[in-house]
N, C-alpha and C. Protein backbone atom coordinates (compact mmCIF):
# COMPACT_ATOMS: atom_id res chain seq x y z
N UNK A 1 35.90 138.08 51.85
CA UNK A 1 34.57 139.32 52.04
C UNK A 1 33.80 138.62 53.14
N UNK A 2 32.52 139.31 53.13
CA UNK A 2 31.52 139.05 54.45
C UNK A 2 30.69 137.90 53.67
N UNK A 3 30.46 137.12 54.51
CA UNK A 3 29.67 135.74 53.97
C UNK A 3 28.30 136.10 54.04
N UNK A 4 27.75 136.45 55.25
CA UNK A 4 26.08 136.52 55.70
C UNK A 4 26.22 138.18 55.62
N UNK A 5 24.80 138.20 54.74
CA UNK A 5 24.38 139.26 54.39
C UNK A 5 23.79 140.17 55.58
N UNK A 6 23.96 141.35 55.67
CA UNK A 6 23.91 142.34 56.75
C UNK A 6 22.86 143.34 56.28
N UNK A 7 22.22 143.62 57.37
CA UNK A 7 21.15 144.92 56.78
C UNK A 7 21.56 146.21 57.10
N UNK A 8 22.60 146.05 57.92
CA UNK A 8 23.58 147.49 58.36
C UNK A 8 24.89 147.63 59.29
N UNK A 9 25.29 148.49 59.12
CA UNK A 9 26.67 148.45 59.93
C UNK A 9 26.61 147.86 61.21
N UNK A 10 25.75 148.38 62.19
CA UNK A 10 25.53 148.16 63.29
C UNK A 10 25.45 146.64 63.66
N UNK A 11 24.44 145.97 62.78
CA UNK A 11 24.07 144.50 62.68
C UNK A 11 25.25 143.53 62.72
N UNK A 12 26.09 144.23 61.67
CA UNK A 12 27.77 143.60 61.27
C UNK A 12 28.52 143.56 62.41
N UNK A 13 28.71 144.73 63.12
CA UNK A 13 29.52 144.98 64.22
C UNK A 13 29.07 144.27 65.16
N UNK A 14 27.80 144.28 65.90
CA UNK A 14 27.29 143.22 66.82
C UNK A 14 27.49 141.83 66.30
N UNK A 15 27.40 141.54 65.32
CA UNK A 15 27.70 140.01 64.88
C UNK A 15 29.36 139.59 65.25
N UNK A 16 30.05 140.21 64.70
CA UNK A 16 31.66 140.48 64.75
C UNK A 16 32.37 140.75 66.28
N UNK A 17 31.29 141.44 66.96
CA UNK A 17 31.83 141.61 68.36
C UNK A 17 31.36 141.23 69.36
N UNK A 18 30.51 140.16 69.41
CA UNK A 18 29.71 139.66 70.45
C UNK A 18 30.50 138.88 71.18
N UNK A 19 31.81 138.23 70.57
CA UNK A 19 32.84 137.15 71.31
C UNK A 19 34.25 137.97 72.28
N UNK A 20 34.19 139.39 71.68
CA UNK A 20 35.16 140.09 71.92
C UNK A 20 34.91 140.86 73.36
N UNK A 21 35.36 140.86 74.53
CA UNK A 21 34.92 141.76 75.46
C UNK A 21 35.52 143.44 75.37
N UNK A 22 36.61 143.66 75.33
CA UNK A 22 36.98 145.19 75.00
C UNK A 22 37.80 145.04 73.60
N UNK A 23 36.87 145.31 72.60
CA UNK A 23 37.48 145.52 71.12
C UNK A 23 38.73 147.14 71.28
N UNK A 24 39.59 146.87 70.69
CA UNK A 24 40.08 148.43 70.46
C UNK A 24 39.58 149.09 69.45
N UNK A 25 40.05 150.55 69.49
CA UNK A 25 39.18 151.76 68.34
C UNK A 25 40.01 150.90 66.90
N UNK A 26 41.12 150.63 67.01
CA UNK A 26 41.58 150.18 65.69
C UNK A 26 41.04 149.17 65.04
N UNK A 27 40.64 147.97 66.17
CA UNK A 27 39.92 146.84 65.62
C UNK A 27 38.66 147.36 65.30
N UNK A 28 37.88 148.10 65.72
CA UNK A 28 36.47 148.33 65.09
C UNK A 28 36.67 149.24 64.03
N UNK A 29 37.59 149.95 64.01
CA UNK A 29 37.75 150.80 62.51
C UNK A 29 37.86 149.63 61.45
N UNK A 30 38.90 148.74 61.60
CA UNK A 30 39.14 147.69 60.66
C UNK A 30 37.60 147.23 60.23
N UNK A 31 37.16 146.60 61.04
CA UNK A 31 35.52 145.82 61.13
C UNK A 31 34.84 146.91 60.30
N UNK A 32 34.87 148.17 60.71
CA UNK A 32 33.81 148.98 59.44
C UNK A 32 34.49 148.83 58.16
N UNK A 33 35.73 149.05 58.16
CA UNK A 33 36.38 149.04 56.78
C UNK A 33 35.90 147.75 55.83
N UNK A 34 36.07 146.73 56.53
CA UNK A 34 35.58 145.35 56.05
C UNK A 34 34.40 145.38 55.45
N UNK A 35 33.38 146.05 56.66
CA UNK A 35 32.11 145.98 56.12
C UNK A 35 31.71 146.76 54.70
N UNK A 36 32.20 147.87 54.84
CA UNK A 36 31.97 148.79 53.65
C UNK A 36 32.81 148.27 52.63
N UNK A 37 33.69 147.75 52.42
CA UNK A 37 34.37 147.27 51.44
C UNK A 37 33.54 145.98 51.02
N UNK A 38 33.01 145.41 51.51
CA UNK A 38 32.02 144.22 51.15
C UNK A 38 30.91 144.81 50.65
N UNK A 39 30.29 145.93 51.20
CA UNK A 39 28.91 146.69 51.03
C UNK A 39 29.22 147.32 49.37
N UNK A 40 30.22 148.07 49.30
CA UNK A 40 30.31 148.59 48.18
C UNK A 40 30.67 147.64 46.89
N UNK A 41 31.54 146.42 47.42
CA UNK A 41 31.71 145.37 46.31
C UNK A 41 30.34 144.87 45.74
N UNK A 42 29.34 144.55 46.64
CA UNK A 42 28.23 143.98 46.22
C UNK A 42 27.35 145.12 45.50
N UNK A 43 27.43 146.22 46.35
CA UNK A 43 26.63 147.26 45.38
C UNK A 43 27.03 147.44 43.91
N UNK A 44 28.20 147.59 43.63
CA UNK A 44 28.48 147.71 42.30
C UNK A 44 28.54 146.70 41.31
N UNK A 45 28.78 145.28 42.42
CA UNK A 45 28.22 144.10 41.61
C UNK A 45 26.92 144.24 40.72
N UNK A 46 25.95 144.53 41.75
CA UNK A 46 24.51 144.57 41.38
C UNK A 46 24.28 145.55 39.98
N UNK A 47 24.81 146.53 40.67
CA UNK A 47 24.71 147.71 39.75
C UNK A 47 25.27 147.63 38.29
N UNK A 48 26.29 146.60 38.11
CA UNK A 48 26.90 146.41 36.85
C UNK A 48 25.91 145.39 36.27
N UNK A 49 25.44 144.48 37.08
CA UNK A 49 24.25 143.49 36.41
C UNK A 49 23.28 144.29 36.11
N UNK A 50 22.53 145.15 36.54
CA UNK A 50 21.57 146.03 36.13
C UNK A 50 21.42 146.88 35.21
N UNK A 51 22.79 147.61 35.09
CA UNK A 51 23.15 148.50 34.38
C UNK A 51 24.35 148.22 33.24
N UNK A 52 24.15 148.36 31.89
CA UNK A 52 25.73 147.79 31.46
C UNK A 52 26.34 149.41 31.46
N UNK A 53 27.68 149.51 31.37
CA UNK A 53 28.42 150.43 31.37
C UNK A 53 28.99 150.63 30.16
N UNK A 54 29.32 151.87 29.36
CA UNK A 54 29.46 151.80 28.07
C UNK A 54 30.47 153.13 28.07
N UNK A 55 31.83 152.71 27.30
CA UNK A 55 32.82 154.28 27.55
C UNK A 55 32.81 154.33 25.80
N UNK A 56 32.49 155.88 25.80
CA UNK A 56 32.77 156.54 24.30
C UNK A 56 33.90 157.50 24.31
N UNK A 57 34.81 157.05 23.41
CA UNK A 57 35.87 158.10 23.25
C UNK A 57 35.95 158.82 21.75
N UNK A 58 35.89 160.08 21.86
CA UNK A 58 36.16 161.07 20.48
C UNK A 58 37.27 161.76 20.60
N UNK A 59 37.66 161.72 19.33
CA UNK A 59 38.81 162.78 19.13
C UNK A 59 38.61 164.38 19.39
N UNK A 60 39.10 165.07 18.95
CA UNK A 60 39.09 166.21 19.37
C UNK A 60 38.06 167.15 18.19
N UNK A 61 38.30 166.76 17.00
CA UNK A 61 37.35 167.18 16.18
C UNK A 61 36.27 167.11 16.32
N UNK A 62 35.77 165.61 16.71
CA UNK A 62 34.61 165.26 16.84
C UNK A 62 33.79 166.10 18.22
N UNK A 63 34.64 166.11 19.17
CA UNK A 63 34.17 167.04 20.50
C UNK A 63 33.95 168.43 20.18
N UNK A 64 34.96 169.18 19.17
CA UNK A 64 34.11 170.67 18.92
C UNK A 64 33.17 170.27 18.13
N UNK A 65 32.77 169.33 17.15
CA UNK A 65 31.08 169.45 16.64
C UNK A 65 30.34 169.12 17.47
N UNK A 66 30.47 168.08 18.32
CA UNK A 66 29.47 167.86 19.72
C UNK A 66 29.19 169.23 20.29
N UNK A 67 30.08 170.04 20.88
CA UNK A 67 30.02 171.25 21.83
C UNK A 67 29.50 172.29 20.64
N UNK A 68 29.59 172.44 19.38
CA UNK A 68 28.90 173.22 18.39
C UNK A 68 27.59 172.78 18.50
N UNK A 69 26.91 171.75 18.86
CA UNK A 69 25.58 171.27 18.39
C UNK A 69 24.74 171.48 19.98
N UNK A 70 25.32 170.98 20.89
CA UNK A 70 24.89 170.78 22.46
C UNK A 70 24.02 171.78 22.95
N UNK A 71 24.17 173.05 22.73
CA UNK A 71 23.76 174.57 23.46
C UNK A 71 24.34 174.23 24.76
N UNK A 72 23.24 174.53 25.57
CA UNK A 72 23.29 174.67 26.96
C UNK A 72 23.30 173.56 28.04
N UNK A 73 23.10 172.18 26.85
CA UNK A 73 23.40 170.98 27.67
C UNK A 73 24.50 170.48 28.17
N UNK A 74 24.79 169.86 29.14
CA UNK A 74 26.04 169.25 29.49
C UNK A 74 26.40 168.06 28.26
N UNK A 75 27.68 167.84 28.36
CA UNK A 75 27.82 166.94 27.27
C UNK A 75 27.03 165.45 27.45
N UNK A 76 27.31 165.17 28.71
CA UNK A 76 26.63 163.74 28.99
C UNK A 76 25.02 163.88 28.65
N UNK A 77 24.42 165.16 29.18
CA UNK A 77 22.93 165.16 28.87
C UNK A 77 22.64 164.98 27.19
N UNK A 78 23.39 165.65 26.43
CA UNK A 78 23.12 165.62 24.99
C UNK A 78 23.37 164.34 24.34
N UNK A 79 24.42 163.63 24.65
CA UNK A 79 24.61 162.27 24.51
C UNK A 79 23.40 161.18 24.62
N UNK A 80 23.28 161.48 25.92
CA UNK A 80 22.03 160.44 26.25
C UNK A 80 20.78 161.09 25.19
N UNK A 81 20.83 162.23 25.04
CA UNK A 81 19.63 162.76 24.47
C UNK A 81 19.58 162.40 22.67
N UNK A 82 21.03 162.14 22.15
CA UNK A 82 20.94 161.73 20.77
C UNK A 82 20.80 160.13 20.85
N UNK A 83 21.44 159.70 21.64
CA UNK A 83 21.28 157.90 21.84
C UNK A 83 19.65 157.67 22.09
N UNK A 84 19.04 158.59 22.81
CA UNK A 84 17.48 158.07 22.98
C UNK A 84 16.63 158.26 21.86
N UNK A 85 17.25 159.17 21.19
CA UNK A 85 16.04 159.60 20.12
C UNK A 85 16.68 158.70 18.93
N UNK A 86 17.80 158.35 18.77
CA UNK A 86 18.39 157.51 17.85
C UNK A 86 17.41 155.95 18.27
N UNK A 87 17.48 155.73 19.52
CA UNK A 87 16.93 154.22 19.73
C UNK A 87 15.16 154.63 19.62
N UNK A 88 14.39 155.47 19.95
CA UNK A 88 12.97 155.49 19.95
C UNK A 88 12.73 156.05 18.50
N UNK A 89 13.82 156.53 17.65
CA UNK A 89 13.23 156.72 16.28
C UNK A 89 13.13 155.61 15.58
N UNK A 90 11.84 155.59 14.08
CA UNK A 90 11.54 154.80 13.61
C UNK A 90 12.82 154.54 12.47
N UNK A 91 13.52 155.67 12.24
CA UNK A 91 14.42 155.62 10.85
C UNK A 91 15.75 154.83 11.15
N UNK A 92 16.43 154.46 10.41
CA UNK A 92 17.50 153.81 10.43
C UNK A 92 18.48 155.10 10.10
N UNK A 93 19.74 154.89 11.63
CA UNK A 93 20.68 155.84 11.42
C UNK A 93 21.83 155.99 10.30
N UNK A 94 22.08 154.93 10.14
CA UNK A 94 22.85 154.66 8.99
C UNK A 94 22.11 154.38 7.54
N UNK A 95 22.59 155.10 6.38
CA UNK A 95 22.04 155.20 5.30
C UNK A 95 23.28 154.37 4.29
N UNK A 96 22.39 153.24 3.72
CA UNK A 96 23.16 152.63 2.69
C UNK A 96 23.59 153.68 1.45
N UNK A 97 25.13 153.88 1.27
CA UNK A 97 25.33 154.76 0.09
C UNK A 97 24.87 153.73 -1.20
N UNK A 98 24.92 152.53 -1.44
CA UNK A 98 24.60 152.27 -2.65
C UNK A 98 23.40 152.40 -2.87
N UNK A 99 22.42 152.19 -1.90
CA UNK A 99 20.84 152.81 -2.07
C UNK A 99 20.77 154.00 -2.28
N UNK A 100 21.66 154.90 -1.73
CA UNK A 100 21.08 156.28 -1.91
C UNK A 100 21.38 156.65 -3.76
N UNK A 101 22.72 155.95 -4.01
CA UNK A 101 22.93 156.22 -5.34
C UNK A 101 21.83 155.54 -6.11
N UNK A 102 21.22 154.50 -6.12
CA UNK A 102 20.13 153.92 -6.85
C UNK A 102 19.20 155.04 -6.73
N UNK A 103 18.71 155.57 -5.86
CA UNK A 103 17.68 156.51 -5.70
C UNK A 103 17.66 157.55 -6.54
N UNK A 104 19.25 158.27 -6.72
CA UNK A 104 19.71 159.31 -7.10
C UNK A 104 19.28 159.08 -8.50
N UNK A 105 19.81 157.73 -8.95
CA UNK A 105 19.44 157.63 -10.50
C UNK A 105 18.14 157.95 -10.99
N UNK A 106 17.50 157.09 -10.07
CA UNK A 106 15.92 156.71 -10.41
C UNK A 106 15.15 158.36 -10.43
N UNK A 107 15.78 159.21 -9.65
CA UNK A 107 15.20 160.64 -9.44
C UNK A 107 15.58 161.39 -10.48
N UNK A 108 16.64 160.91 -11.53
CA UNK A 108 17.62 161.64 -12.71
C UNK A 108 16.43 161.27 -13.77
N UNK A 109 16.15 160.19 -13.45
CA UNK A 109 15.40 159.27 -14.78
C UNK A 109 13.84 159.85 -14.92
N UNK A 110 13.56 160.19 -13.49
CA UNK A 110 12.22 160.99 -13.56
C UNK A 110 11.90 162.22 -13.94
N UNK A 111 13.08 163.12 -13.82
CA UNK A 111 13.09 164.25 -14.08
C UNK A 111 13.14 164.12 -15.58
N UNK A 112 13.85 163.43 -16.13
CA UNK A 112 14.04 163.48 -17.55
C UNK A 112 13.19 163.26 -18.37
N UNK A 113 12.08 162.17 -17.83
CA UNK A 113 10.82 161.84 -18.33
C UNK A 113 10.04 162.96 -18.43
N UNK A 114 10.22 163.72 -16.81
CA UNK A 114 9.26 165.02 -16.81
C UNK A 114 9.72 166.12 -17.97
N UNK A 115 10.98 166.28 -18.47
CA UNK A 115 11.38 167.15 -19.27
C UNK A 115 10.92 166.59 -20.67
N UNK A 116 10.79 165.60 -21.05
CA UNK A 116 10.22 165.18 -22.37
C UNK A 116 8.74 165.37 -22.12
N UNK A 117 7.92 165.29 -21.05
CA UNK A 117 6.67 165.49 -21.14
C UNK A 117 6.45 166.87 -21.16
N UNK A 118 7.11 167.84 -20.73
CA UNK A 118 7.06 169.23 -20.82
C UNK A 118 7.41 169.59 -22.35
N UNK A 119 8.11 169.12 -23.20
CA UNK A 119 8.50 169.32 -24.35
C UNK A 119 7.21 169.06 -25.26
N UNK A 120 6.48 167.79 -24.93
CA UNK A 120 5.41 167.53 -25.88
C UNK A 120 4.38 168.40 -25.27
N UNK A 121 3.91 168.21 -23.99
CA UNK A 121 2.70 168.91 -23.56
C UNK A 121 2.86 170.11 -22.53
N UNK A 122 3.15 171.31 -22.99
CA UNK A 122 3.72 172.45 -22.19
C UNK A 122 2.61 173.06 -21.21
N UNK A 123 2.36 172.41 -20.18
CA UNK A 123 1.32 172.96 -19.35
C UNK A 123 1.90 173.39 -17.78
N UNK A 124 1.54 174.28 -17.58
CA UNK A 124 2.20 175.00 -16.16
C UNK A 124 1.96 173.84 -14.92
N UNK A 125 1.11 172.78 -15.00
CA UNK A 125 1.22 171.67 -13.92
C UNK A 125 2.27 170.94 -14.16
N UNK A 126 2.87 170.62 -15.53
CA UNK A 126 4.02 169.62 -15.68
C UNK A 126 5.31 170.60 -15.40
N UNK A 127 5.31 171.93 -15.55
CA UNK A 127 6.29 172.64 -15.25
C UNK A 127 6.81 172.90 -13.68
N UNK A 128 5.45 172.92 -13.18
CA UNK A 128 5.34 173.05 -11.73
C UNK A 128 6.04 171.61 -10.95
N UNK A 129 5.69 170.40 -11.86
CA UNK A 129 6.29 169.14 -11.27
C UNK A 129 7.61 168.81 -11.27
N UNK A 130 8.14 169.57 -12.48
CA UNK A 130 9.37 169.51 -12.71
C UNK A 130 10.25 170.27 -12.14
N UNK A 131 9.56 171.58 -11.49
CA UNK A 131 10.54 172.54 -10.47
C UNK A 131 10.59 171.65 -9.00
N UNK A 132 9.57 171.25 -8.42
CA UNK A 132 9.41 170.43 -7.42
C UNK A 132 10.52 168.98 -7.44
N UNK A 133 10.44 168.65 -8.64
CA UNK A 133 11.40 167.33 -8.71
C UNK A 133 12.72 167.82 -8.78
N UNK A 134 13.30 168.85 -9.20
CA UNK A 134 14.34 169.54 -9.02
C UNK A 134 14.89 170.09 -7.92
N UNK A 135 14.03 170.70 -7.11
CA UNK A 135 14.19 170.79 -5.80
C UNK A 135 14.29 169.86 -4.81
N UNK A 136 13.60 168.38 -5.02
CA UNK A 136 14.01 167.37 -4.29
C UNK A 136 15.41 166.78 -4.69
N UNK A 137 15.75 166.92 -5.98
CA UNK A 137 16.85 166.40 -6.15
C UNK A 137 18.19 167.18 -5.62
N UNK A 138 17.97 168.07 -5.59
CA UNK A 138 18.99 169.01 -5.04
C UNK A 138 19.23 168.79 -3.76
N UNK A 139 18.05 168.80 -2.66
CA UNK A 139 18.01 168.10 -1.23
C UNK A 139 18.40 166.79 -1.26
N UNK A 140 18.12 166.13 -1.97
CA UNK A 140 18.61 164.57 -1.63
C UNK A 140 20.15 164.71 -2.31
N UNK A 141 20.71 165.58 -3.23
CA UNK A 141 22.31 165.44 -3.69
C UNK A 141 22.92 165.90 -2.10
N UNK A 142 22.37 167.14 -1.45
CA UNK A 142 22.56 167.69 -0.23
C UNK A 142 22.91 166.55 0.77
N UNK A 143 21.68 165.94 0.97
CA UNK A 143 21.71 164.58 1.71
C UNK A 143 22.94 163.64 1.86
N UNK A 144 23.08 163.39 0.47
CA UNK A 144 24.17 161.81 -0.22
C UNK A 144 25.39 162.74 0.32
N UNK A 145 25.61 163.88 -0.14
CA UNK A 145 26.90 164.60 0.23
C UNK A 145 27.45 164.36 1.54
N UNK A 146 26.16 164.97 2.64
CA UNK A 146 26.46 164.88 3.93
C UNK A 146 26.72 163.63 4.36
N UNK A 147 26.08 162.63 3.85
CA UNK A 147 26.45 161.33 4.59
C UNK A 147 27.91 160.59 3.85
N UNK A 148 28.20 161.16 3.23
CA UNK A 148 29.42 160.67 2.53
C UNK A 148 30.71 161.37 3.64
N UNK A 149 30.51 162.68 4.25
CA UNK A 149 31.36 162.98 5.01
C UNK A 149 31.31 162.29 6.38
């Protein structure tokens, strides 16, 4: 390739044509090709050092799900936004199924204790607490089932 770093095509041509009296058009074209090959080689190499390239492959079913959620965005914009939000988010994207199971068990135990409390002390506040806990349990079960899929 080109050993010396040139700032422009014309600088490259001047340096390579200084000893040649009458270069042919074909020779000049070959020099231009040589310059542009070297230029793009160095450009792509420096670009790969600066930005890491990632290839994603999805099956048809997943692409259909993505298309349903992306709205008016292009596929690439949607994926960039998803990745950016996951990186910027404080939440962990992957939820441990075992931890969710333990939380679900503890939630059921709290509900059982609340039911016993209502049986002994029947007040509106304890009933409201029980209703809210049952609502949380339903939401939790829905989240747990969504994570399994």
